[in-house]
Protein backbone atom coordinates (compact mmCIF):
# COMPACT_ATOMS: atom_id res chain seq x y z
CA MET A 1 111.77 126.30 81.81
CA THR A 2 113.05 127.42 85.22
CA THR A 3 114.79 125.43 87.90
CA ALA A 4 111.67 125.58 90.05
CA GLY A 5 109.69 123.97 87.22
CA MET A 6 112.22 121.10 86.93
CA ALA A 7 111.88 120.27 90.62
CA ASP A 8 108.28 119.21 89.99
CA PHE A 9 109.42 116.29 87.80
CA ARG A 10 111.98 114.72 90.19
CA PRO A 11 110.91 111.51 91.89
CA ASP A 12 110.22 111.67 95.62
CA ARG A 13 113.10 109.56 96.95
CA SER A 14 111.99 109.76 100.59
CA ARG A 15 108.70 108.09 99.68
CA ASP A 16 110.54 105.38 97.72
CA ALA A 17 112.86 104.79 100.66
CA ALA A 18 109.88 104.48 103.02
CA PHE A 19 108.27 101.86 100.76
CA ALA A 20 111.56 99.94 100.59
CA TRP A 21 111.85 99.89 104.40
CA ILE A 22 108.23 98.77 104.75
CA ALA A 23 108.78 95.94 102.24
CA ALA A 24 111.98 94.86 104.02
CA ALA A 25 110.25 94.89 107.43
CA ALA A 26 107.30 92.88 106.08
CA THR A 27 109.66 90.31 104.55
CA LEU A 28 111.64 89.98 107.78
CA ALA A 29 108.46 89.63 109.85
CA THR A 30 107.20 86.87 107.54
CA ILE A 31 110.48 84.95 107.83
CA LEU A 32 110.52 85.26 111.63
CA VAL A 33 106.92 84.13 112.00
CA ALA A 34 107.50 81.15 109.67
CA ASN A 35 110.54 79.99 111.64
CA PHE A 36 109.54 80.65 115.24
CA ALA A 37 105.74 80.35 115.45
CA PRO A 38 104.55 77.03 116.86
CA ALA A 39 102.85 74.77 114.35
CA ARG A 40 99.11 74.44 114.75
CA GLY A 41 97.58 71.03 114.50
CA PRO A 42 96.15 68.17 116.47
CA VAL A 43 97.87 67.25 119.73
CA PRO A 44 99.68 63.93 119.29
CA HIS A 45 98.33 61.09 121.38
CA ALA A 46 100.28 58.36 123.14
CA VAL A 47 101.43 55.70 120.70
CA PRO A 48 101.87 52.06 121.74
CA PRO A 49 105.54 50.98 121.48
CA ALA A 50 104.82 48.51 118.67
CA ALA A 51 103.46 51.32 116.46
CA ILE A 52 106.43 53.71 116.92
CA VAL A 53 108.03 54.42 113.56
CA SER A 54 110.21 57.45 114.37
CA PRO A 55 111.84 59.07 117.41
CA ALA A 56 109.41 61.99 117.07
CA ASP A 57 106.56 59.59 117.85
CA ASP A 58 108.37 57.92 120.78
CA PRO A 59 107.40 59.64 124.06
CA GLY A 60 110.56 58.21 125.69
CA CYS A 61 112.88 59.97 123.22
CA ARG A 62 113.72 63.46 124.54
CA GLU A 63 116.00 64.53 121.66
CA TRP A 64 116.35 63.44 118.03
CA THR A 65 117.97 64.61 114.81
CA ASP A 66 117.90 64.11 111.05
CA ALA A 67 121.43 65.58 110.67
CA CYS A 68 119.87 68.91 109.65
CA ARG A 69 118.04 69.98 112.75
CA VAL A 70 117.82 68.87 116.36
CA CYS A 71 114.46 68.52 118.07
CA THR A 72 113.87 68.33 121.81
CA ARG A 73 110.73 67.38 123.71
CA GLY A 74 110.06 69.42 126.83
CA GLY A 75 107.19 70.13 129.17
CA ASP A 76 105.89 72.85 126.87
CA GLY A 77 106.08 70.84 123.62
CA VAL A 78 108.56 69.99 120.89
CA HIS A 79 111.13 72.54 119.78
CA CYS A 80 113.35 72.11 116.71
CA SER A 81 116.34 74.08 115.47
CA THR A 82 116.38 75.72 112.06
CA PRO A 83 118.02 73.57 109.36
CA GLY A 84 121.22 74.77 107.74
CA PHE A 85 121.38 76.25 104.26
CA ALA A 86 122.69 73.22 102.33
CA CYS A 87 121.49 70.50 104.67
CA GLN A 88 121.30 66.85 103.56
CA ARG A 89 118.64 65.11 105.64
CA GLU A 90 119.15 61.60 106.93
CA ALA A 91 116.87 59.15 108.73
CA LEU A 92 115.62 60.33 112.12
CA ARG A 93 117.51 58.92 115.09
CA CYS A 94 117.02 59.34 118.81
CA THR A 95 120.02 61.01 120.49
CA GLY A 96 118.72 61.35 124.05
CA ARG A 97 116.37 59.48 126.37
């Protein structure tokens, strides 16, 4: 068998590399969308003060935390930070009015 005949049996590494980059890009895009896309769901309605069970439901609370992430309420909705890797959640508490 000649050297030219052996070249036909080598794997195409450039194609494998392209597939690896596509898989990495798709994984990264999925992670980014999951962390930064706003959640879809019903718009929360005003809750009477007697029915408030957490700072997230209290329209007077502008910022709250569960020791893992911090959420803030602004004119364009609620925004929360990403929790840490080994986070231990606690009860929600209002940290800013």
